Protein backbone atom coordinates (compact mmCIF):
# COMPACT_ATOMS: atom_id res chain seq x y z
CA UNK A 1 83.67 93.28 34.44
CA UNK A 2 85.00 96.65 33.36
CA UNK A 3 88.28 97.76 31.70
CA UNK A 4 91.17 99.62 33.33
CA UNK A 5 94.40 100.93 31.95
CA UNK A 6 97.66 100.24 33.74
CA UNK A 7 100.28 102.34 31.99
CA UNK A 8 104.00 102.52 31.90
CA UNK A 9 105.56 105.44 29.85
CA UNK A 10 109.27 105.03 29.25
CA UNK A 11 112.27 106.40 27.37
CA UNK A 12 114.89 104.15 29.07
CA UNK A 13 115.83 100.56 29.42
CA UNK A 14 113.36 98.95 31.90
CA UNK A 15 112.87 95.24 30.98
CA UNK A 16 112.76 94.36 34.63
CA UNK A 17 110.00 97.00 35.28
CA UNK A 18 107.96 95.62 32.40
CA UNK A 19 107.98 92.20 33.99
CA UNK A 20 107.10 93.62 37.41
CA UNK A 21 104.22 95.82 36.20
CA UNK A 22 102.87 92.77 34.27
CA UNK A 23 102.77 90.94 37.63
CA UNK A 24 100.76 93.86 39.11
CA UNK A 25 98.32 93.63 36.13
CA UNK A 26 97.96 89.88 36.78
CA UNK A 27 97.25 90.62 40.43
CA UNK A 28 94.61 93.06 39.48
CA UNK A 29 92.89 90.68 37.11
CA UNK A 30 93.09 87.87 39.62
CA UNK A 31 91.58 89.76 42.58
CA UNK A 32 89.13 92.09 40.95
CA UNK A 33 86.43 91.88 38.26
CA UNK A 34 88.41 93.81 35.70
CA UNK A 35 90.00 93.52 32.32
CA UNK A 36 93.45 95.05 32.55
CA UNK A 37 94.95 96.87 29.55
CA UNK A 38 98.67 97.07 30.29
CA UNK A 39 99.83 99.98 28.13
CA UNK A 40 103.63 100.50 27.54
CA UNK A 41 104.23 103.82 25.76
CA UNK A 42 107.81 103.44 24.51
CA UNK A 43 109.94 106.34 23.40
CA UNK A 44 113.24 104.39 23.73
CA UNK A 45 116.04 104.21 21.20
CA UNK A 46 115.81 101.32 18.70
CA UNK A 47 118.12 98.91 20.63
CA UNK A 48 116.31 99.55 23.85
CA UNK A 49 112.93 99.18 22.12
CA UNK A 50 114.09 95.79 20.80
CA UNK A 51 114.93 94.67 24.29
CA UNK A 52 111.49 95.77 25.54
CA UNK A 53 109.72 93.92 22.69
CA UNK A 54 111.59 90.73 23.78
CA UNK A 55 110.55 91.40 27.45
CA UNK A 56 106.88 91.88 26.35
CA UNK A 57 107.02 88.66 24.19
CA UNK A 58 108.28 86.77 27.11
CA UNK A 59 105.42 87.72 29.47
CA UNK A 60 103.12 84.87 30.38
CA UNK A 61 99.62 84.87 29.01
CA UNK A 62 97.27 85.95 31.73
CA UNK A 63 93.50 85.83 31.71
CA UNK A 64 91.86 89.27 31.49
CA UNK A 65 95.24 91.00 30.84
CA UNK A 66 95.80 92.55 27.40
CA UNK A 67 99.26 94.01 26.71
CA UNK A 68 99.81 97.00 24.27
CA UNK A 69 103.35 97.96 23.61
CA UNK A 70 103.43 101.00 21.32
CA UNK A 71 106.51 102.72 20.00
CA UNK A 72 106.38 106.35 18.98
CA UNK A 73 105.38 105.67 15.36
CA UNK A 74 102.42 103.64 16.52
CA UNK A 75 101.47 106.30 19.02
CA UNK A 76 101.72 108.96 16.33
CA UNK A 77 99.53 106.96 13.98
CA UNK A 78 96.85 106.61 16.65
CA UNK A 79 96.98 110.30 17.49
CA UNK A 80 96.68 111.35 13.79
CA UNK A 81 93.63 109.17 13.40
CA UNK A 82 92.10 110.80 16.57
CA UNK A 83 92.92 114.30 15.31
CA UNK A 84 91.41 113.55 11.84
CA UNK A 85 88.20 112.20 13.46
CA UNK A 86 88.06 115.12 15.86
CA UNK A 87 88.30 117.62 12.89
CA UNK A 88 90.32 120.18 14.96
CA UNK A 89 91.57 123.40 13.47
CA UNK A 90 95.25 123.02 14.37
CA UNK A 91 95.96 119.34 14.00
CA UNK A 92 99.79 119.74 13.52
CA UNK A 93 100.17 121.86 16.61
CA UNK A 94 98.05 119.42 18.65
CA UNK A 95 100.03 116.49 17.47
CA UNK A 96 103.24 118.34 18.64
CA UNK A 97 101.65 118.96 22.02
CA UNK A 98 100.57 115.25 22.38
CA UNK A 99 103.82 113.82 21.04
CA UNK A 100 106.60 116.39 21.22
CA UNK A 101 110.24 115.66 20.13
CA UNK A 102 111.36 116.52 23.65
CA UNK A 103 110.62 114.95 27.06
CA UNK A 104 107.18 115.85 28.33
CA UNK A 105 105.80 114.16 31.50
CA UNK A 106 102.38 115.60 30.90
CA UNK A 107 102.23 114.64 27.25
CA UNK A 108 103.02 111.01 27.71
CA UNK A 109 100.28 110.73 30.37
CA UNK A 110 97.90 112.65 28.16
CA UNK A 111 98.48 109.99 25.42
CA UNK A 112 97.70 107.29 27.92
CA UNK A 113 94.45 109.12 28.81
CA UNK A 114 93.36 109.10 25.21
CA UNK A 115 94.33 105.45 24.63
CA UNK A 116 92.47 104.50 27.78
CA UNK A 117 89.37 106.19 26.33
CA UNK A 118 89.91 104.30 23.03
CA UNK A 119 90.07 101.06 24.98
CA UNK A 120 86.92 101.82 26.95
CA UNK A 121 88.77 101.97 30.27
CA UNK A 122 87.13 103.57 33.39
CA UNK A 123 90.35 104.42 35.03
CA UNK A 124 94.06 105.04 34.36
CA UNK A 125 96.77 103.79 36.74
CA UNK A 126 100.28 105.15 36.15
CA UNK A 127 103.76 103.77 37.10
CA UNK A 128 107.29 104.97 36.10
CA UNK A 129 110.23 103.05 34.72
CA UNK A 130 112.67 104.31 37.37
CA UNK A 131 110.78 102.77 40.20
CA UNK A 132 109.89 99.33 41.55
CA UNK A 133 107.73 97.66 44.20
CA UNK A 134 108.40 97.10 47.89
CA UNK A 135 108.40 93.54 49.05
CA UNK A 136 106.64 91.99 52.17
CA UNK A 137 107.19 88.43 53.15
CA UNK A 138 108.63 87.69 49.78
CA UNK A 139 105.73 89.10 47.77
CA UNK A 140 105.52 92.45 45.92
CA UNK A 141 103.35 95.21 47.46
CA UNK A 142 101.06 96.28 44.62
CA UNK A 143 99.36 99.76 44.81
CA UNK A 144 96.66 98.74 42.40
CA UNK A 145 95.03 96.72 45.16
CA UNK A 146 94.02 99.92 46.98
CA UNK A 147 93.24 101.69 43.73
CA UNK A 148 90.64 99.13 42.65
CA UNK A 149 89.25 98.90 46.13
CA UNK A 150 88.04 102.55 45.94
CA UNK A 151 88.32 104.17 42.59
CA UNK A 152 84.99 105.19 40.97
CA UNK A 153 82.92 104.02 43.93
CA UNK A 154 80.77 106.58 45.88
CA UNK A 155 82.68 107.69 48.96
CA UNK A 156 80.08 106.12 51.33
CA UNK A 157 80.86 102.79 49.77
CA UNK A 158 84.53 103.26 49.57
CA UNK A 159 84.66 104.05 53.26
CA UNK A 160 84.15 100.35 54.18
CA UNK A 161 87.41 99.43 52.53
CA UNK A 162 89.76 101.97 54.08
CA UNK A 163 91.45 102.27 57.41
CA UNK A 164 90.26 105.74 58.29
CA UNK A 165 88.04 108.44 57.07
CA UNK A 166 88.37 112.29 57.42
CA UNK A 167 86.14 113.17 54.42
CA UNK A 168 83.20 115.62 55.04
CA UNK A 169 79.98 113.56 55.14
CA UNK A 170 78.47 116.04 52.62
CA UNK A 171 80.78 114.42 50.02
CA UNK A 172 79.49 110.78 50.75
CA UNK A 173 77.72 110.60 47.37
CA UNK A 174 80.65 111.78 45.27
CA UNK A 175 82.73 109.08 43.65
CA UNK A 176 86.37 108.60 44.57
CA UNK A 177 88.34 110.02 41.69
CA UNK A 178 91.90 109.70 42.89
CA UNK A 179 93.81 106.97 44.70
CA UNK A 180 97.50 107.44 45.28
CA UNK A 181 100.60 107.10 47.44
CA UNK A 182 104.16 108.19 47.36
CA UNK A 183 107.59 106.56 47.19
CA UNK A 184 110.54 105.69 49.40
CA UNK A 185 114.12 105.71 48.37
CA UNK A 186 116.09 108.39 46.48
CA UNK A 187 114.72 111.89 46.15
CA UNK A 188 112.21 112.21 43.32
CA UNK A 189 114.19 115.09 42.00
CA UNK A 190 117.90 114.50 41.32
CA UNK A 191 119.27 117.28 43.72
CA UNK A 192 120.90 115.25 46.45
CA UNK A 193 124.33 116.29 45.23
CA UNK A 194 123.46 119.91 45.71
CA UNK A 195 122.50 119.25 49.29
CA UNK A 196 125.66 117.38 49.94
CA UNK A 197 127.81 120.08 48.40
CA UNK A 198 126.30 123.03 50.17
CA UNK A 199 123.08 122.76 52.39
CA UNK A 200 122.46 126.44 52.26
CA UNK A 201 122.63 126.59 48.46
CA UNK A 202 120.23 123.57 48.46
CA UNK A 203 117.78 125.67 50.45
CA UNK A 204 118.18 128.57 48.07
CA UNK A 205 117.67 126.47 45.00
CA UNK A 206 114.83 124.25 46.14
CA UNK A 207 113.06 127.23 47.74
CA UNK A 208 112.67 128.79 44.32
CA UNK A 209 109.49 126.81 43.71
CA UNK A 210 107.76 128.52 46.65
CA UNK A 211 105.96 131.89 46.05
CA UNK A 212 108.47 134.67 46.51
CA UNK A 213 106.28 136.42 49.10
CA UNK A 214 106.66 133.46 51.61
CA UNK A 215 108.78 134.05 54.66
CA UNK A 216 112.25 132.40 54.83
CA UNK A 217 111.02 130.05 57.51
CA UNK A 218 108.00 128.86 55.45
CA UNK A 219 110.24 128.35 52.42
CA UNK A 220 112.70 126.31 54.51
CA UNK A 221 109.83 124.13 55.78
CA UNK A 222 108.70 123.48 52.14
CA UNK A 223 112.25 122.62 51.17
CA UNK A 224 112.56 120.08 54.02
CA UNK A 225 109.36 118.47 52.74
CA UNK A 226 110.02 118.66 49.01
CA UNK A 227 110.74 115.64 46.92
CA UNK A 228 111.33 113.36 49.90
CA UNK A 229 108.25 111.21 49.30
CA UNK A 230 107.46 109.00 52.31
CA UNK A 231 111.01 108.94 53.52
CA UNK A 232 112.79 105.61 53.86
CA UNK A 233 110.71 103.48 56.22
CA UNK A 234 109.63 100.20 54.50
CA UNK A 235 106.07 98.93 54.22
CA UNK A 236 104.96 96.73 57.13
CA UNK A 237 101.10 96.91 57.11
CA UNK A 238 98.32 98.50 55.10
CA UNK A 239 96.80 101.88 55.93
CA UNK A 240 94.39 103.92 53.78
CA UNK A 241 92.59 107.23 54.35
CA UNK A 242 89.46 108.44 52.60
CA UNK A 243 89.90 112.17 52.33
CA UNK A 244 90.50 115.16 50.03
CA UNK A 245 94.06 114.19 49.24
CA UNK A 246 96.98 116.53 49.73
CA UNK A 247 98.90 116.79 46.39
CA UNK A 248 102.10 116.82 48.39
CA UNK A 249 101.37 113.17 49.60
CA UNK A 250 101.12 111.63 46.09
CA UNK A 251 103.73 110.88 43.46
CA UNK A 252 102.91 110.38 39.80
CA UNK A 253 104.71 106.93 39.76
CA UNK A 254 101.97 105.71 42.17
CA UNK A 255 98.62 107.09 41.18
CA UNK A 256 95.23 106.21 39.63
CA UNK A 257 92.61 108.46 38.33
CA UNK A 258 88.93 107.91 37.43
CA UNK A 259 88.02 108.78 33.89
CA UNK A 260 85.52 111.45 35.06
CA UNK A 261 88.42 113.76 35.69
CA UNK A 262 91.05 112.99 33.04
CA UNK A 263 88.51 112.88 30.23
CA UNK A 264 87.59 116.45 31.09
CA UNK A 265 90.97 118.13 31.75
CA UNK A 266 94.37 117.03 30.50
CA UNK A 267 97.82 117.59 31.98
CA UNK A 268 100.00 120.48 30.94
CA UNK A 269 102.03 119.36 27.82
CA UNK A 270 105.14 121.37 28.84
CA UNK A 271 108.49 120.04 27.48
CA UNK A 272 111.62 119.61 29.55
CA UNK A 273 109.81 120.49 32.77
CA UNK A 274 109.69 118.22 35.84
CA UNK A 275 106.41 118.34 37.81
CA UNK A 276 104.37 119.32 34.82
CA UNK A 277 102.30 116.14 35.19
CA UNK A 278 100.96 116.87 38.76
CA UNK A 279 98.28 119.35 37.80
CA UNK A 280 95.23 117.04 38.25
CA UNK A 281 96.34 116.31 41.81
CA UNK A 282 95.90 120.06 42.66
CA UNK A 283 92.67 120.33 40.65
CA UNK A 284 91.07 117.41 42.46
CA UNK A 285 92.17 118.79 45.80
CA UNK A 286 90.96 122.36 45.22
CA UNK A 287 87.61 121.12 43.85
CA UNK A 288 87.17 119.15 47.01
CA UNK A 289 86.65 115.79 45.26
CA UNK A 290 87.07 112.53 47.33
CA UNK A 291 90.30 110.45 47.11
CA UNK A 292 92.12 107.74 48.96
CA UNK A 293 95.64 108.07 50.24
CA UNK A 294 97.40 104.75 51.05
CA UNK A 295 100.78 103.64 52.09
CA UNK A 296 101.85 101.06 49.47
CA UNK A 297 104.77 103.39 48.51
CA UNK A 298 106.82 102.57 45.44
CA UNK A 299 110.66 102.45 45.48
CA UNK A 300 112.35 105.29 43.57
CA UNK A 301 115.86 104.88 42.16
CA UNK A 302 118.11 106.82 39.69
CA UNK A 303 119.21 105.61 36.31
CA UNK A 304 122.82 105.93 35.22
CA UNK A 305 122.01 108.34 32.45
CA UNK A 306 121.35 111.17 34.95
CA UNK A 307 125.06 110.90 35.98
CA UNK A 308 126.35 111.61 32.55
CA UNK A 309 127.24 115.24 31.58
CA UNK A 310 124.43 115.35 28.91
CA UNK A 311 121.99 113.85 31.42
CA UNK A 312 123.00 116.36 34.04
CA UNK A 313 122.49 119.31 31.72
CA UNK A 314 119.12 117.98 30.58
CA UNK A 315 117.98 117.41 34.10
CA UNK A 316 119.07 120.85 35.36
CA UNK A 317 117.21 122.41 32.46
CA UNK A 318 113.99 120.57 33.44
CA UNK A 319 114.46 121.66 36.98
CA UNK A 320 114.94 125.32 35.92
CA UNK A 321 111.86 125.22 33.82
CA UNK A 322 109.97 123.76 36.80
CA UNK A 323 110.92 126.74 38.92
CA UNK A 324 109.98 129.19 36.14
CA UNK A 325 106.62 127.43 35.50
CA UNK A 326 105.57 128.17 39.11
CA UNK A 327 104.99 131.80 38.25
CA UNK A 328 101.99 130.56 36.26
CA UNK A 329 100.93 127.57 38.31
CA UNK A 330 100.93 129.61 41.54
CA UNK A 331 98.45 131.99 39.91
CA UNK A 332 96.28 129.03 38.73
CA UNK A 333 96.50 127.15 42.06
CA UNK A 334 95.61 130.19 44.15
CA UNK A 335 92.49 130.87 42.06
CA UNK A 336 91.49 127.21 41.97
CA UNK A 337 91.76 127.07 45.82
CA UNK A 338 89.65 130.28 46.06
CA UNK A 339 87.08 128.84 43.62
CA UNK A 340 86.72 125.58 45.51
CA UNK A 341 83.39 123.82 44.66
CA UNK A 342 82.55 126.34 42.00
CA UNK A 343 85.16 124.56 39.81
CA UNK A 344 82.44 121.86 39.45
CA UNK A 345 79.19 121.94 37.52
CA UNK A 346 75.78 120.92 38.69
CA UNK A 347 76.65 117.24 38.24
CA UNK A 348 79.84 117.59 40.38
CA UNK A 349 82.08 117.36 37.29
CA UNK A 350 85.13 119.60 36.70
CA UNK A 351 84.31 122.60 34.36
CA UNK A 352 87.22 122.67 31.74
CA UNK A 353 86.29 126.17 30.58
CA UNK A 354 87.06 127.55 34.03
CA UNK A 355 90.49 125.97 34.07
CA UNK A 356 91.39 127.04 30.48
CA UNK A 357 90.48 130.63 31.44
CA UNK A 358 92.67 130.59 34.53
CA UNK A 359 95.59 129.27 32.45
CA UNK A 360 95.11 132.09 29.92
CA UNK A 361 94.88 134.67 32.67
CA UNK A 362 98.09 133.36 34.21
CA UNK A 363 100.09 134.05 31.03
CA UNK A 364 99.54 137.85 31.77
CA UNK A 365 101.60 137.60 34.92
CA UNK A 366 104.57 140.00 35.37
CA UNK A 367 107.90 138.12 34.67
CA UNK A 368 109.87 139.97 37.31
CA UNK A 369 109.78 137.00 39.74
CA UNK A 370 111.08 134.71 37.00
CA UNK A 371 113.90 137.04 36.12
CA UNK A 372 114.78 137.00 39.84
CA UNK A 373 114.66 133.27 39.90
CA UNK A 374 117.11 133.01 36.96
CA UNK A 375 119.41 135.39 38.73
CA UNK A 376 119.21 133.40 41.94
CA UNK A 377 119.96 130.19 40.12
CA UNK A 378 122.96 131.74 38.47
CA UNK A 379 124.29 132.86 41.80
CA UNK A 380 123.67 129.44 43.52
CA UNK A 381 125.17 127.36 40.61
CA UNK A 382 128.33 129.46 40.41
CA UNK A 383 128.74 129.17 44.11
CA UNK A 384 128.59 125.33 43.68
CA UNK A 385 131.29 125.51 40.93
CA UNK A 386 132.23 122.66 38.66
CA UNK A 387 129.59 121.46 36.22
CA UNK A 388 127.04 123.62 38.09
CA UNK A 389 129.00 126.73 37.14
CA UNK A 390 129.08 125.42 33.61
CA UNK A 391 125.28 125.06 33.64
CA UNK A 392 125.04 128.68 34.90
CA UNK A 393 126.92 129.70 31.59
CA UNK A 394 124.26 127.87 29.69
CA UNK A 395 121.44 129.63 31.63
CA UNK A 396 123.02 132.98 30.89
CA UNK A 397 122.51 132.23 27.27
CA UNK A 398 119.23 130.28 27.28
CA UNK A 399 117.64 132.10 30.18
CA UNK A 400 115.59 134.66 28.06
CA UNK A 401 114.40 131.89 25.78
CA UNK A 402 113.26 129.76 28.77
CA UNK A 403 111.25 132.68 30.03
CA UNK A 404 109.37 132.66 26.76
CA UNK A 405 109.03 128.82 26.70
CA UNK A 406 107.40 128.51 30.02
CA UNK A 407 104.74 131.20 29.11
CA UNK A 408 104.12 129.42 25.77
CA UNK A 409 103.76 126.05 27.58
CA UNK A 410 100.83 127.53 29.57
CA UNK A 411 99.27 128.98 26.41
CA UNK A 412 99.53 125.53 24.81
CA UNK A 413 97.96 124.02 27.95
CA UNK A 414 94.91 126.34 27.61
CA UNK A 415 94.55 125.39 23.97
CA UNK A 416 94.75 121.67 24.73
CA UNK A 417 92.07 122.02 27.54
CA UNK A 418 89.70 123.76 25.05
CA UNK A 419 90.25 120.95 22.52
CA UNK A 420 90.32 118.07 24.91
CA UNK A 421 86.68 117.06 24.91
CA UNK A 422 86.80 116.69 21.10
CA UNK A 423 89.95 114.50 21.30
CA UNK A 424 88.42 112.29 23.98
CA UNK A 425 85.27 111.77 22.14
CA UNK A 426 87.16 110.98 18.96
CA UNK A 427 89.39 108.55 20.74
CA UNK A 428 86.31 106.60 22.04
CA UNK A 429 85.51 105.71 18.45
CA UNK A 430 89.09 105.11 17.29
CA UNK A 431 90.55 101.59 17.36
CA UNK A 432 94.03 101.50 18.77
CA UNK A 433 95.19 99.09 16.02
CA UNK A 434 92.94 100.17 13.07
CA UNK A 435 94.76 100.85 9.81
CA UNK A 436 95.89 104.46 9.65
CA UNK A 437 96.30 106.21 6.34
């Protein structure tokens, strides 16, 4: 029996999701020879946190399922103990990168990676609080079934448990390091209103995450594919593919990673930036490592908070920073794709030093494209009018600072990569619930 970590990061009310993911944990423990550590990383307000504690207390006891529900103070105490044990030179900065005071999709998952190491887990399986499971014949369709069928096994062994294989036979000895799927339901990025208000503006806005040199036709094709997941068709039967997984086919609400990857390279800890947690999908793809793509898609839905004026402004800021971050990620992705198998060492493990250097090189990129992106967003939002025009006024003031922030985010990412091995090793010898001074 080995340990796995099924994690749910949240900053919103999601008692129903807690119950649902606990059922997935029970399924895993009941069908596989694993001990499941169900990890809920909770950044909610006090009232919501109390509701979640009640939901956790009401969960039925399940053999080989251990529930950990940590609020931010408990997460911070763990991180401080890890940083002290790691004896790093910039502990305060690293603590801020691991647990910032703003939303960070990468940072919350990085915390899960370190806690998984502390718990002795061989894999990390992530879900999101604004999603739920599909149903078939009255039973939930759990992605973890496919994840545990293949993750960590040599590709030649995993091939017996999938529907189809397109993997190069030369990779048969490599372990499966990624298993994932996508979602159905609402767009993963809350931009449907833009599309309904003005389809052409929608193309202009969403197309900003494409490299500027792309043709108009290629950008429109990307826009048509972006943030739509697996569409709307419900699950009817299993299908799984052993392959080098296309990052565009996996969503972070429905993914599992083997420790061999996330214990070597973390996710970018960027704040207020959607999509900042997808980096490992690209790294695994460009390095040519085996994965499994299945079709147990999760159902995505929107929470009411996004519809409020503060929620709208916050989300549009995260979207803007996503577009601006692509200046640096395009640089990194292009060079990772060119490097291919040389991203790996002689033991077929990712080389963190290479990734850190690419991140640092990217920060020397000319900002002209990002200045153009801000100008284009200003034009598009003013054309939409209403609260979009109001947000354009905000961008006019905050734009120069955002240009600095996205570059600083990548510099922080490089630093975190360089320190990551020390943090992981320290985590392995840190008890999650030991007294912290």
